[in-house]
Amino acid sequence: MDRQRVILVVDDDLSVRKSTLRLLAARGYTAFEAADATEALAKAIEIVPDAILMDLHLEQTSGLEAARQLKAVEALRNVPILLVSATPPVLEESRQVFARVLLKPCPSSDIVAAIEATLQRP
């Protein structure tokens, strides 16, 4: 059996994080959470996830800046970051750091499908 895929969920909204963690666990993923860019960077370095779900609006630092910080770390450079946000990002900037962009509200099935397509999971 393949090892469980590890996903890091980065969102400043606790209820969004918790519901996303439950969704991912129910689909067989191992999921971790972070509330801000600093916590996301530390947790990502610790676990080196297979993918990261990132909100655009975080406290102190934007999701775009947080994604740039993550991509600057050699061990995380190839980890796909999926943006999940109510606000669409500037398209050109988002192409450079986000593997996919999902707009809230987005069905749980779309989040899982985007993760699986990004990871090319069978």
PDB file of N, CA and C in Angstrom:
ATOM      1  N   MET A   1       0.844  -1.194   0.000  1.00  0.00           N
ATOM      2  CA  MET A   1       0.000   0.000   0.000  1.00  0.00           C
ATOM      3  C   MET A   1       0.882   1.247   0.000  1.00  0.00           C
ATOM      4  N   ASP A   2       0.474   2.233  -0.773  1.00  0.00           N
ATOM      5  CA  ASP A   2       1.211   3.494  -0.823  1.00  0.00           C
ATOM      6  C   ASP A   2       1.080   4.225   0.495  1.00  0.00           C
ATOM      7  N   ARG A   3       2.107   5.015   0.817  1.00  0.00           N
ATOM      8  CA  ARG A   3       2.016   5.808   2.036  1.00  0.00           C
ATOM      9  C   ARG A   3       0.950   6.888   1.849  1.00  0.00           C
ATOM     10  N   GLN A   4       0.386   7.307   2.965  1.00  0.00           N
ATOM     11  CA  GLN A   4      -0.617   8.368   2.891  1.00  0.00           C
ATOM     12  C   GLN A   4       0.047   9.661   2.443  1.00  0.00           C
ATOM     13  N   ARG A   5      -0.654  10.384   1.599  1.00  0.00           N
ATOM     14  CA  ARG A   5      -0.180  11.689   1.160  1.00  0.00           C
ATOM     15  C   ARG A   5      -0.378  12.688   2.292  1.00  0.00           C
ATOM     16  N   VAL A   6       0.572  13.599   2.406  1.00  0.00           N
ATOM     17  CA  VAL A   6       0.551  14.592   3.485  1.00  0.00           C
ATOM     18  C   VAL A   6       0.198  15.956   2.895  1.00  0.00           C
ATOM     19  N   ILE A   7      -0.805  16.593   3.476  1.00  0.00           N
ATOM     20  CA  ILE A   7      -1.275  17.900   3.017  1.00  0.00           C
ATOM     21  C   ILE A   7      -1.190  18.884   4.176  1.00  0.00           C
ATOM     22  N   LEU A   8      -0.683  20.076   3.893  1.00  0.00           N
ATOM     23  CA  LEU A   8      -0.656  21.164   4.869  1.00  0.00           C
ATOM     24  C   LEU A   8      -1.750  22.151   4.500  1.00  0.00           C
ATOM     25  N   VAL A   9      -2.632  22.445   5.450  1.00  0.00           N
ATOM     26  CA  VAL A   9      -3.738  23.382   5.252  1.00  0.00           C
ATOM     27  C   VAL A   9      -3.387  24.686   5.951  1.00  0.00           C
ATOM     28  N   VAL A  10      -3.301  25.775   5.174  1.00  0.00           N
ATOM     29  CA  VAL A  10      -2.923  27.083   5.723  1.00  0.00           C
ATOM     30  C   VAL A  10      -4.097  28.044   5.541  1.00  0.00           C
ATOM     31  N   ASP A  11      -4.720  28.410   6.659  1.00  0.00           N
ATOM     32  CA  ASP A  11      -5.859  29.330   6.630  1.00  0.00           C
ATOM     33  C   ASP A  11      -5.978  29.958   8.012  1.00  0.00           C
ATOM     34  N   ASP A  12      -6.260  31.247   8.074  1.00  0.00           N
ATOM     35  CA  ASP A  12      -6.376  31.905   9.376  1.00  0.00           C
ATOM     36  C   ASP A  12      -7.730  31.675  10.035  1.00  0.00           C
ATOM     37  N   ASP A  13      -8.660  31.060   9.321  1.00  0.00           N
ATOM     38  CA  ASP A  13      -9.989  30.765   9.854  1.00  0.00           C
ATOM     39  C   ASP A  13      -9.990  29.342  10.427  1.00  0.00           C
ATOM     40  N   LEU A  14     -10.094  29.245  11.741  1.00  0.00           N
ATOM     41  CA  LEU A  14     -10.045  27.957  12.427  1.00  0.00           C
ATOM     42  C   LEU A  14     -11.105  26.991  11.914  1.00  0.00           C
ATOM     43  N   SER A  15     -12.318  27.467  11.687  1.00  0.00           N
ATOM     44  CA  SER A  15     -13.382  26.573  11.231  1.00  0.00           C
ATOM     45  C   SER A  15     -13.087  26.021   9.836  1.00  0.00           C
ATOM     46  N   VAL A  16     -12.503  26.824   8.973  1.00  0.00           N
ATOM     47  CA  VAL A  16     -12.122  26.354   7.636  1.00  0.00           C
ATOM     48  C   VAL A  16     -11.027  25.295   7.749  1.00  0.00           C
ATOM     49  N   ARG A  17     -10.031  25.572   8.589  1.00  0.00           N
ATOM     50  CA  ARG A  17      -8.957  24.590   8.773  1.00  0.00           C
ATOM     51  C   ARG A  17      -9.513  23.263   9.272  1.00  0.00           C
ATOM     52  N   LYS A  18     -10.347  23.323  10.311  1.00  0.00           N
ATOM     53  CA  LYS A  18     -10.862  22.090  10.916  1.00  0.00           C
ATOM     54  C   LYS A  18     -11.728  21.304   9.931  1.00  0.00           C
ATOM     55  N   SER A  19     -12.582  21.979   9.188  1.00  0.00           N
ATOM     56  CA  SER A  19     -13.435  21.258   8.239  1.00  0.00           C
ATOM     57  C   SER A  19     -12.599  20.668   7.102  1.00  0.00           C
ATOM     58  N   THR A  20     -11.567  21.378   6.674  1.00  0.00           N
ATOM     59  CA  THR A  20     -10.693  20.856   5.620  1.00  0.00           C
ATOM     60  C   THR A  20      -9.886  19.669   6.128  1.00  0.00           C
ATOM     61  N   LEU A  21      -9.413  19.740   7.369  1.00  0.00           N
ATOM     62  CA  LEU A  21      -8.690  18.608   7.959  1.00  0.00           C
ATOM     63  C   LEU A  21      -9.580  17.372   8.021  1.00  0.00           C
ATOM     64  N   ARG A  22     -10.838  17.547   8.425  1.00  0.00           N
ATOM     65  CA  ARG A  22     -11.786  16.412   8.489  1.00  0.00           C
ATOM     66  C   ARG A  22     -12.014  15.829   7.094  1.00  0.00           C
ATOM     67  N   LEU A  23     -12.205  16.704   6.118  1.00  0.00           N
ATOM     68  CA  LEU A  23     -12.412  16.261   4.737  1.00  0.00           C
ATOM     69  C   LEU A  23     -11.223  15.429   4.251  1.00  0.00           C
ATOM     70  N   LEU A  24     -10.028  15.943   4.457  1.00  0.00           N
ATOM     71  CA  LEU A  24      -8.826  15.259   3.975  1.00  0.00           C
ATOM     72  C   LEU A  24      -8.607  13.928   4.695  1.00  0.00           C
ATOM     73  N   ALA A  25      -8.838  13.907   5.997  1.00  0.00           N
ATOM     74  CA  ALA A  25      -8.691  12.661   6.759  1.00  0.00           C
ATOM     75  C   ALA A  25      -9.681  11.609   6.251  1.00  0.00           C
ATOM     76  N   ALA A  26     -10.911  12.030   5.961  1.00  0.00           N
ATOM     77  CA  ALA A  26     -11.930  11.107   5.459  1.00  0.00           C
ATOM     78  C   ALA A  26     -11.560  10.545   4.088  1.00  0.00           C
ATOM     79  N   ARG A  27     -10.731  11.278   3.354  1.00  0.00           N
ATOM     80  CA  ARG A  27     -10.304  10.839   2.020  1.00  0.00           C
ATOM     81  C   ARG A  27      -8.946  10.126   2.040  1.00  0.00           C
ATOM     82  N   GLY A  28      -8.434   9.864   3.240  1.00  0.00           N
ATOM     83  CA  GLY A  28      -7.217   9.086   3.356  1.00  0.00           C
ATOM     84  C   GLY A  28      -5.921   9.872   3.370  1.00  0.00           C
ATOM     85  N   TYR A  29      -6.015  11.173   3.506  1.00  0.00           N
ATOM     86  CA  TYR A  29      -4.810  12.003   3.581  1.00  0.00           C
ATOM     87  C   TYR A  29      -4.402  12.208   5.039  1.00  0.00           C
ATOM     88  N   THR A  30      -3.122  12.446   5.257  1.00  0.00           N
ATOM     89  CA  THR A  30      -2.641  12.907   6.548  1.00  0.00           C
ATOM     90  C   THR A  30      -2.556  14.420   6.419  1.00  0.00           C
ATOM     91  N   ALA A  31      -3.256  15.142   7.268  1.00  0.00           N
ATOM     92  CA  ALA A  31      -3.323  16.592   7.128  1.00  0.00           C
ATOM     93  C   ALA A  31      -2.816  17.299   8.377  1.00  0.00           C
ATOM     94  N   PHE A  32      -2.109  18.391   8.143  1.00  0.00           N
ATOM     95  CA  PHE A  32      -1.610  19.261   9.196  1.00  0.00           C
ATOM     96  C   PHE A  32      -2.137  20.653   8.926  1.00  0.00           C
ATOM     97  N   GLU A  33      -2.075  21.506   9.946  1.00  0.00           N
ATOM     98  CA  GLU A  33      -2.629  22.848   9.790  1.00  0.00           C
ATOM     99  C   GLU A  33      -1.651  23.916  10.235  1.00  0.00           C
ATOM    100  N   ALA A  34      -1.869  25.111   9.681  1.00  0.00           N
ATOM    101  CA  ALA A  34      -1.128  26.298  10.075  1.00  0.00           C
ATOM    102  C   ALA A  34      -2.062  27.492   9.919  1.00  0.00           C
ATOM    103  N   ALA A  35      -1.962  28.435  10.851  1.00  0.00           N
ATOM    104  CA  ALA A  35      -2.856  29.592  10.850  1.00  0.00           C
ATOM    105  C   ALA A  35      -2.268  30.817  10.153  1.00  0.00           C
ATOM    106  N   ASP A  36      -0.948  30.832   9.963  1.00  0.00           N
ATOM    107  CA  ASP A  36      -0.323  32.000   9.343  1.00  0.00           C
ATOM    108  C   ASP A  36       0.940  31.581   8.603  1.00  0.00           C
ATOM    109  N   ALA A  37       1.585  32.544   7.956  1.00  0.00           N
ATOM    110  CA  ALA A  37       2.761  32.250   7.132  1.00  0.00           C
ATOM    111  C   ALA A  37       3.928  31.711   7.951  1.00  0.00           C
ATOM    112  N   THR A  38       4.151  32.262   9.125  1.00  0.00           N
ATOM    113  CA  THR A  38       5.262  31.823   9.967  1.00  0.00           C
ATOM    114  C   THR A  38       5.077  30.372  10.383  1.00  0.00           C
ATOM    115  N   GLU A  39       3.874  30.056  10.834  1.00  0.00           N
ATOM    116  CA  GLU A  39       3.565  28.687  11.248  1.00  0.00           C
ATOM    117  C   GLU A  39       3.615  27.741  10.041  1.00  0.00           C
ATOM    118  N   ALA A  40       3.145  28.207   8.892  1.00  0.00           N
ATOM    119  CA  ALA A  40       3.158  27.388   7.677  1.00  0.00           C
ATOM    120  C   ALA A  40       4.584  27.032   7.272  1.00  0.00           C
ATOM    121  N   LEU A  41       5.466  28.004   7.316  1.00  0.00           N
ATOM    122  CA  LEU A  41       6.856  27.767   6.932  1.00  0.00           C
ATOM    123  C   LEU A  41       7.512  26.755   7.872  1.00  0.00           C
ATOM    124  N   ALA A  42       7.332  26.947   9.169  1.00  0.00           N
ATOM    125  CA  ALA A  42       7.919  26.029  10.150  1.00  0.00           C
ATOM    126  C   ALA A  42       7.358  24.619   9.985  1.00  0.00           C
ATOM    127  N   LYS A  43       6.056  24.501   9.845  1.00  0.00           N
ATOM    128  CA  LYS A  43       5.418  23.186   9.725  1.00  0.00           C
ATOM    129  C   LYS A  43       5.814  22.519   8.406  1.00  0.00           C
ATOM    130  N   ALA A  44       5.868  23.277   7.324  1.00  0.00           N
ATOM    131  CA  ALA A  44       6.234  22.704   6.020  1.00  0.00           C
ATOM    132  C   ALA A  44       7.668  22.181   6.032  1.00  0.00           C
ATOM    133  N   ILE A  45       8.571  22.911   6.667  1.00  0.00           N
ATOM    134  CA  ILE A  45       9.961  22.454   6.769  1.00  0.00           C
ATOM    135  C   ILE A  45      10.035  21.172   7.597  1.00  0.00           C
ATOM    136  N   GLU A  46       9.214  21.103   8.634  1.00  0.00           N
ATOM    137  CA  GLU A  46       9.210  19.928   9.514  1.00  0.00           C
ATOM    138  C   GLU A  46       8.674  18.680   8.808  1.00  0.00           C
ATOM    139  N   ILE A  47       7.556  18.818   8.077  1.00  0.00           N
ATOM    140  CA  ILE A  47       6.881  17.641   7.517  1.00  0.00           C
ATOM    141  C   ILE A  47       7.126  17.424   6.025  1.00  0.00           C
ATOM    142  N   VAL A  48       7.554  18.443   5.306  1.00  0.00           N
ATOM    143  CA  VAL A  48       7.697  18.425   3.840  1.00  0.00           C
ATOM    144  C   VAL A  48       6.475  17.734   3.214  1.00  0.00           C
ATOM    145  N   PRO A  49       5.374  18.479   3.132  1.00  0.00           N
ATOM    146  CA  PRO A  49       4.126  17.899   2.644  1.00  0.00           C
ATOM    147  C   PRO A  49       4.166  17.585   1.148  1.00  0.00           C
ATOM    148  N   ASP A  50       3.217  16.762   0.718  1.00  0.00           N
ATOM    149  CA  ASP A  50       3.081  16.466  -0.710  1.00  0.00           C
ATOM    150  C   ASP A  50       2.408  17.626  -1.435  1.00  0.00           C
ATOM    151  N   ALA A  51       1.572  18.379  -0.719  1.00  0.00           N
ATOM    152  CA  ALA A  51       0.896  19.553  -1.279  1.00  0.00           C
ATOM    153  C   ALA A  51       0.473  20.466  -0.135  1.00  0.00           C
ATOM    154  N   ILE A  52       0.211  21.717  -0.490  1.00  0.00           N
ATOM    155  CA  ILE A  52      -0.215  22.723   0.488  1.00  0.00           C
ATOM    156  C   ILE A  52      -1.468  23.394  -0.038  1.00  0.00           C
ATOM    157  N   LEU A  53      -2.500  23.488   0.808  1.00  0.00           N
ATOM    158  CA  LEU A  53      -3.690  24.285   0.505  1.00  0.00           C
ATOM    159  C   LEU A  53      -3.508  25.606   1.223  1.00  0.00           C
ATOM    160  N   MET A  54      -3.572  26.714   0.490  1.00  0.00           N
ATOM    161  CA  MET A  54      -3.239  28.037   1.044  1.00  0.00           C
ATOM    162  C   MET A  54      -4.363  29.032   0.772  1.00  0.00           C
ATOM    163  N   ASP A  55      -4.771  29.736   1.819  1.00  0.00           N
ATOM    164  CA  ASP A  55      -5.708  30.843   1.658  1.00  0.00           C
ATOM    165  C   ASP A  55      -4.912  32.078   1.231  1.00  0.00           C
ATOM    166  N   LEU A  56      -5.541  32.987   0.515  1.00  0.00           N
ATOM    167  CA  LEU A  56      -4.853  34.192   0.063  1.00  0.00           C
ATOM    168  C   LEU A  56      -4.739  35.232   1.174  1.00  0.00           C
ATOM    169  N   HIS A  57      -5.785  35.319   2.004  1.00  0.00           N
ATOM    170  CA  HIS A  57      -5.813  36.346   3.051  1.00  0.00           C
ATOM    171  C   HIS A  57      -5.452  35.732   4.397  1.00  0.00           C
ATOM    172  N   LEU A  58      -4.219  35.949   4.805  1.00  0.00           N
ATOM    173  CA  LEU A  58      -3.742  35.488   6.105  1.00  0.00           C
ATOM    174  C   LEU A  58      -3.394  36.710   6.940  1.00  0.00           C
ATOM    175  N   GLU A  59      -3.340  36.540   8.251  1.00  0.00           N
ATOM    176  CA  GLU A  59      -2.941  37.646   9.114  1.00  0.00           C
ATOM    177  C   GLU A  59      -1.456  37.918   8.914  1.00  0.00           C
ATOM    178  N   GLN A  60      -1.068  39.154   8.903  1.00  0.00           N
ATOM    179  CA  GLN A  60       0.314  39.633   8.806  1.00  0.00           C
ATOM    180  C   GLN A  60       0.927  39.501   7.421  1.00  0.00           C
ATOM    181  N   THR A  61       0.772  38.376   6.754  1.00  0.00           N
ATOM    182  CA  THR A  61       1.375  38.148   5.443  1.00  0.00           C
ATOM    183  C   THR A  61       0.337  37.541   4.515  1.00  0.00           C
ATOM    184  N   SER A  62       0.326  37.948   3.265  1.00  0.00           N
ATOM    185  CA  SER A  62      -0.633  37.377   2.319  1.00  0.00           C
ATOM    186  C   SER A  62      -0.244  35.937   1.974  1.00  0.00           C
ATOM    187  N   GLY A  63      -1.205  35.192   1.489  1.00  0.00           N
ATOM    188  CA  GLY A  63      -0.934  33.840   1.036  1.00  0.00           C
ATOM    189  C   GLY A  63       0.063  33.826  -0.113  1.00  0.00           C
ATOM    190  N   LEU A  64       0.024  34.860  -0.939  1.00  0.00           N
ATOM    191  CA  LEU A  64       0.977  34.950  -2.047  1.00  0.00           C
ATOM    192  C   LEU A  64       2.403  35.097  -1.522  1.00  0.00           C
ATOM    193  N   GLU A  65       2.598  35.963  -0.540  1.00  0.00           N
ATOM    194  CA  GLU A  65       3.924  36.139   0.047  1.00  0.00           C
ATOM    195  C   GLU A  65       4.344  34.878   0.803  1.00  0.00           C
ATOM    196  N   ALA A  66       3.407  34.249   1.500  1.00  0.00           N
ATOM    197  CA  ALA A  66       3.712  33.004   2.208  1.00  0.00           C
ATOM    198  C   ALA A  66       4.157  31.930   1.213  1.00  0.00           C
ATOM    199  N   ALA A  67       3.470  31.851   0.070  1.00  0.00           N
ATOM    200  CA  ALA A  67       3.844  30.869  -0.954  1.00  0.00           C
ATOM    201  C   ALA A  67       5.243  31.159  -1.488  1.00  0.00           C
ATOM    202  N   ARG A  68       5.557  32.406  -1.683  1.00  0.00           N
ATOM    203  CA  ARG A  68       6.907  32.773  -2.138  1.00  0.00           C
ATOM    204  C   ARG A  68       7.963  32.345  -1.110  1.00  0.00           C
ATOM    205  N   GLN A  69       7.667  32.558   0.165  1.00  0.00           N
ATOM    206  CA  GLN A  69       8.604  32.152   1.221  1.00  0.00           C
ATOM    207  C   GLN A  69       8.809  30.641   1.214  1.00  0.00           C
ATOM    208  N   LEU A  70       7.734  29.896   1.031  1.00  0.00           N
ATOM    209  CA  LEU A  70       7.822  28.439   0.985  1.00  0.00           C
ATOM    210  C   LEU A  70       8.656  27.989  -0.216  1.00  0.00           C
ATOM    211  N   LYS A  71       8.420  28.600  -1.364  1.00  0.00           N
ATOM    212  CA  LYS A  71       9.141  28.227  -2.589  1.00  0.00           C
ATOM    213  C   LYS A  71      10.624  28.587  -2.518  1.00  0.00           C
ATOM    214  N   ALA A  72      10.992  29.492  -1.616  1.00  0.00           N
ATOM    215  CA  ALA A  72      12.387  29.899  -1.469  1.00  0.00           C
ATOM    216  C   ALA A  72      13.211  28.860  -0.705  1.00  0.00           C
ATOM    217  N   VAL A  73      12.538  27.920  -0.054  1.00  0.00           N
ATOM    218  CA  VAL A  73      13.216  26.860   0.694  1.00  0.00           C
ATOM    219  C   VAL A  73      13.463  25.694  -0.261  1.00  0.00           C
ATOM    220  N   GLU A  74      14.709  25.308  -0.396  1.00  0.00           N
ATOM    221  CA  GLU A  74      15.089  24.258  -1.357  1.00  0.00           C
ATOM    222  C   GLU A  74      14.242  22.997  -1.207  1.00  0.00           C
ATOM    223  N   ALA A  75      14.051  22.508   0.008  1.00  0.00           N
ATOM    224  CA  ALA A  75      13.311  21.265   0.236  1.00  0.00           C
ATOM    225  C   ALA A  75      11.833  21.381  -0.134  1.00  0.00           C
ATOM    226  N   LEU A  76      11.319  22.618  -0.243  1.00  0.00           N
ATOM    227  CA  LEU A  76       9.896  22.834  -0.520  1.00  0.00           C
ATOM    228  C   LEU A  76       9.640  23.354  -1.930  1.00  0.00           C
ATOM    229  N   ARG A  77      10.692  23.598  -2.669  1.00  0.00           N
ATOM    230  CA  ARG A  77      10.572  24.247  -3.983  1.00  0.00           C
ATOM    231  C   ARG A  77       9.595  23.543  -4.915  1.00  0.00           C
ATOM    232  N   ASN A  78       9.551  22.220  -4.868  1.00  0.00           N
ATOM    233  CA  ASN A  78       8.694  21.459  -5.786  1.00  0.00           C
ATOM    234  C   ASN A  78       7.372  21.010  -5.177  1.00  0.00           C
ATOM    235  N   VAL A  79       7.089  21.463  -3.960  1.00  0.00           N
ATOM    236  CA  VAL A  79       5.817  21.121  -3.329  1.00  0.00           C
ATOM    237  C   VAL A  79       4.726  22.004  -3.952  1.00  0.00           C
ATOM    238  N   PRO A  80       3.708  21.390  -4.566  1.00  0.00           N
ATOM    239  CA  PRO A  80       2.654  22.208  -5.171  1.00  0.00           C
ATOM    240  C   PRO A  80       1.812  22.909  -4.106  1.00  0.00           C
ATOM    241  N   ILE A  81       1.502  24.173  -4.387  1.00  0.00           N
ATOM    242  CA  ILE A  81       0.660  24.971  -3.497  1.00  0.00           C
ATOM    243  C   ILE A  81      -0.628  25.280  -4.246  1.00  0.00           C
ATOM    244  N   LEU A  82      -1.740  24.894  -3.661  1.00  0.00           N
ATOM    245  CA  LEU A  82      -3.050  25.151  -4.251  1.00  0.00           C
ATOM    246  C   LEU A  82      -3.697  26.290  -3.489  1.00  0.00           C
ATOM    247  N   LEU A  83      -4.039  27.332  -4.179  1.00  0.00           N
ATOM    248  CA  LEU A  83      -4.695  28.476  -3.560  1.00  0.00           C
ATOM    249  C   LEU A  83      -6.185  28.185  -3.448  1.00  0.00           C
ATOM    250  N   VAL A  84      -6.725  28.374  -2.250  1.00  0.00           N
ATOM    251  CA  VAL A  84      -8.159  28.229  -2.017  1.00  0.00           C
ATOM    252  C   VAL A  84      -8.596  29.532  -1.359  1.00  0.00           C
ATOM    253  N   SER A  85      -9.269  30.404  -2.124  1.00  0.00           N
ATOM    254  CA  SER A  85      -9.552  31.748  -1.628  1.00  0.00           C
ATOM    255  C   SER A  85     -10.852  32.289  -2.195  1.00  0.00           C
ATOM    256  N   ALA A  86     -11.475  33.175  -1.434  1.00  0.00           N
ATOM    257  CA  ALA A  86     -12.687  33.853  -1.907  1.00  0.00           C
ATOM    258  C   ALA A  86     -12.346  34.982  -2.874  1.00  0.00           C
ATOM    259  N   THR A  87     -11.096  35.420  -2.860  1.00  0.00           N
ATOM    260  CA  THR A  87     -10.651  36.517  -3.710  1.00  0.00           C
ATOM    261  C   THR A  87      -9.682  35.987  -4.759  1.00  0.00           C
ATOM    262  N   PRO A  88      -9.992  36.182  -6.038  1.00  0.00           N
ATOM    263  CA  PRO A  88      -9.043  35.709  -7.043  1.00  0.00           C
ATOM    264  C   PRO A  88      -7.752  36.528  -6.996  1.00  0.00           C
ATOM    265  N   PRO A  89      -6.621  35.863  -7.122  1.00  0.00           N
ATOM    266  CA  PRO A  89      -5.347  36.575  -7.098  1.00  0.00           C
ATOM    267  C   PRO A  89      -5.061  37.221  -8.451  1.00  0.00           C
ATOM    268  N   VAL A  90      -4.071  38.070  -8.503  1.00  0.00           N
ATOM    269  CA  VAL A  90      -3.614  38.607  -9.775  1.00  0.00           C
ATOM    270  C   VAL A  90      -3.077  37.410 -10.557  1.00  0.00           C
ATOM    271  N   LEU A  91      -3.602  37.192 -11.739  1.00  0.00           N
ATOM    272  CA  LEU A  91      -3.323  35.975 -12.484  1.00  0.00           C
ATOM    273  C   LEU A  91      -1.844  35.739 -12.740  1.00  0.00           C
ATOM    274  N   GLU A  92      -1.132  36.729 -13.220  1.00  0.00           N
ATOM    275  CA  GLU A  92       0.279  36.534 -13.552  1.00  0.00           C
ATOM    276  C   GLU A  92       1.099  36.141 -12.329  1.00  0.00           C
ATOM    277  N   GLU A  93       0.868  36.828 -11.213  1.00  0.00           N
ATOM    278  CA  GLU A  93       1.581  36.486  -9.975  1.00  0.00           C
ATOM    279  C   GLU A  93       1.242  35.076  -9.507  1.00  0.00           C
ATOM    280  N   SER A  94      -0.019  34.714  -9.615  1.00  0.00           N
ATOM    281  CA  SER A  94      -0.450  33.413  -9.106  1.00  0.00           C
ATOM    282  C   SER A  94       0.145  32.266  -9.904  1.00  0.00           C
ATOM    283  N   ARG A  95       0.360  32.443 -11.182  1.00  0.00           N
ATOM    284  CA  ARG A  95       0.940  31.382 -12.019  1.00  0.00           C
ATOM    285  C   ARG A  95       2.343  31.000 -11.566  1.00  0.00           C
ATOM    286  N   GLN A  96       3.041  31.957 -10.999  1.00  0.00           N
ATOM    287  CA  GLN A  96       4.418  31.714 -10.595  1.00  0.00           C
ATOM    288  C   GLN A  96       4.528  30.859  -9.325  1.00  0.00           C
ATOM    289  N   VAL A  97       3.524  30.890  -8.487  1.00  0.00           N
ATOM    290  CA  VAL A  97       3.647  30.176  -7.208  1.00  0.00           C
ATOM    291  C   VAL A  97       2.564  29.139  -6.923  1.00  0.00           C
ATOM    292  N   PHE A  98       1.406  29.269  -7.544  1.00  0.00           N
ATOM    293  CA  PHE A  98       0.307  28.350  -7.246  1.00  0.00           C
ATOM    294  C   PHE A  98       0.104  27.340  -8.365  1.00  0.00           C
ATOM    295  N   ALA A  99       0.015  26.060  -7.988  1.00  0.00           N
ATOM    296  CA  ALA A  99      -0.228  24.998  -8.967  1.00  0.00           C
ATOM    297  C   ALA A  99      -1.661  25.055  -9.486  1.00  0.00           C
ATOM    298  N   ARG A 100      -2.575  25.467  -8.617  1.00  0.00           N
ATOM    299  CA  ARG A 100      -3.997  25.587  -8.971  1.00  0.00           C
ATOM    300  C   ARG A 100      -4.618  26.693  -8.130  1.00  0.00           C
ATOM    301  N   VAL A 101      -5.719  27.246  -8.661  1.00  0.00           N
ATOM    302  CA  VAL A 101      -6.469  28.265  -7.937  1.00  0.00           C
ATOM    303  C   VAL A 101      -7.922  27.813  -7.861  1.00  0.00           C
ATOM    304  N   LEU A 102      -8.428  27.702  -6.625  1.00  0.00           N
ATOM    305  CA  LEU A 102      -9.825  27.345  -6.387  1.00  0.00           C
ATOM    306  C   LEU A 102     -10.489  28.502  -5.661  1.00  0.00           C
ATOM    307  N   LEU A 103     -11.657  28.892  -6.132  1.00  0.00           N
ATOM    308  CA  LEU A 103     -12.361  30.012  -5.511  1.00  0.00           C
ATOM    309  C   LEU A 103     -13.418  29.519  -4.539  1.00  0.00           C
ATOM    310  N   LYS A 104     -13.413  30.113  -3.332  1.00  0.00           N
ATOM    311  CA  LYS A 104     -14.423  29.815  -2.314  1.00  0.00           C
ATOM    312  C   LYS A 104     -15.699  30.563  -2.669  1.00  0.00           C
ATOM    313  N   PRO A 105     -16.847  30.046  -2.342  1.00  0.00           N
ATOM    314  CA  PRO A 105     -17.019  28.720  -1.755  1.00  0.00           C
ATOM    315  C   PRO A 105     -16.813  27.660  -2.840  1.00  0.00           C
ATOM    316  N   CYS A 106     -16.112  26.626  -2.478  1.00  0.00           N
ATOM    317  CA  CYS A 106     -15.885  25.569  -3.459  1.00  0.00           C
ATOM    318  C   CYS A 106     -16.224  24.241  -2.807  1.00  0.00           C
ATOM    319  N   PRO A 107     -16.920  23.412  -3.561  1.00  0.00           N
ATOM    320  CA  PRO A 107     -17.335  22.126  -3.000  1.00  0.00           C
ATOM    321  C   PRO A 107     -16.139  21.282  -2.565  1.00  0.00           C
ATOM    322  N   SER A 108     -16.348  20.496  -1.539  1.00  0.00           N
ATOM    323  CA  SER A 108     -15.305  19.603  -1.038  1.00  0.00           C
ATOM    324  C   SER A 108     -14.769  18.705  -2.136  1.00  0.00           C
ATOM    325  N   SER A 109     -15.674  18.261  -2.997  1.00  0.00           N
ATOM    326  CA  SER A 109     -15.249  17.364  -4.078  1.00  0.00           C
ATOM    327  C   SER A 109     -14.270  18.059  -5.021  1.00  0.00           C
ATOM    328  N   ASP A 110     -14.425  19.374  -5.224  1.00  0.00           N
ATOM    329  CA  ASP A 110     -13.501  20.120  -6.084  1.00  0.00           C
ATOM    330  C   ASP A 110     -12.118  20.223  -5.448  1.00  0.00           C
ATOM    331  N   ILE A 111     -12.088  20.395  -4.123  1.00  0.00           N
ATOM    332  CA  ILE A 111     -10.799  20.478  -3.422  1.00  0.00           C
ATOM    333  C   ILE A 111     -10.060  19.151  -3.553  1.00  0.00           C
ATOM    334  N   VAL A 112     -10.766  18.064  -3.289  1.00  0.00           N
ATOM    335  CA  VAL A 112     -10.146  16.733  -3.376  1.00  0.00           C
ATOM    336  C   VAL A 112      -9.711  16.442  -4.811  1.00  0.00           C
ATOM    337  N   ALA A 113     -10.561  16.765  -5.780  1.00  0.00           N
ATOM    338  CA  ALA A 113     -10.215  16.525  -7.184  1.00  0.00           C
ATOM    339  C   ALA A 113      -8.977  17.330  -7.586  1.00  0.00           C
ATOM    340  N   ALA A 114      -8.881  18.564  -7.116  1.00  0.00           N
ATOM    341  CA  ALA A 114      -7.723  19.401  -7.443  1.00  0.00           C
ATOM    342  C   ALA A 114      -6.444  18.837  -6.828  1.00  0.00           C
ATOM    343  N   ILE A 115      -6.538  18.366  -5.599  1.00  0.00           N
ATOM    344  CA  ILE A 115      -5.368  17.763  -4.943  1.00  0.00           C
ATOM    345  C   ILE A 115      -4.943  16.515  -5.718  1.00  0.00           C
ATOM    346  N   GLU A 116      -5.903  15.652  -6.004  1.00  0.00           N
ATOM    347  CA  GLU A 116      -5.581  14.409  -6.691  1.00  0.00           C
ATOM    348  C   GLU A 116      -5.014  14.663  -8.083  1.00  0.00           C
ATOM    349  N   ALA A 117      -5.578  15.617  -8.811  1.00  0.00           N
ATOM    350  CA  ALA A 117      -5.069  15.935 -10.142  1.00  0.00           C
ATOM    351  C   ALA A 117      -3.652  16.517 -10.034  1.00  0.00           C
ATOM    352  N   THR A 118      -3.435  17.359  -9.049  1.00  0.00           N
ATOM    353  CA  THR A 118      -2.120  17.972  -8.865  1.00  0.00           C
ATOM    354  C   THR A 118      -1.067  16.921  -8.513  1.00  0.00           C
ATOM    355  N   LEU A 119      -1.446  15.993  -7.674  1.00  0.00           N
ATOM    356  CA  LEU A 119      -0.509  14.954  -7.251  1.00  0.00           C
ATOM    357  C   LEU A 119      -0.480  13.773  -8.218  1.00  0.00           C
ATOM    358  N   GLN A 120      -1.381  13.806  -9.200  1.00  0.00           N
ATOM    359  CA  GLN A 120      -1.540  12.707 -10.161  1.00  0.00           C
ATOM    360  C   GLN A 120      -1.732  11.394  -9.435  1.00  0.00           C
ATOM    361  N   ARG A 121      -2.610  11.478  -8.437  1.00  0.00           N
ATOM    362  CA  ARG A 121      -2.908  10.297  -7.629  1.00  0.00           C
ATOM    363  C   ARG A 121      -3.922   9.436  -8.378  1.00  0.00           C
ATOM    364  N   PRO A 122      -3.659   8.125  -8.487  1.00  0.00           N
ATOM    365  CA  PRO A 122      -4.604   7.249  -9.209  1.00  0.00           C
ATOM    366  C   PRO A 122      -5.947   7.130  -8.510  1.00  0.00           C
TER     367      PRO A 122
END
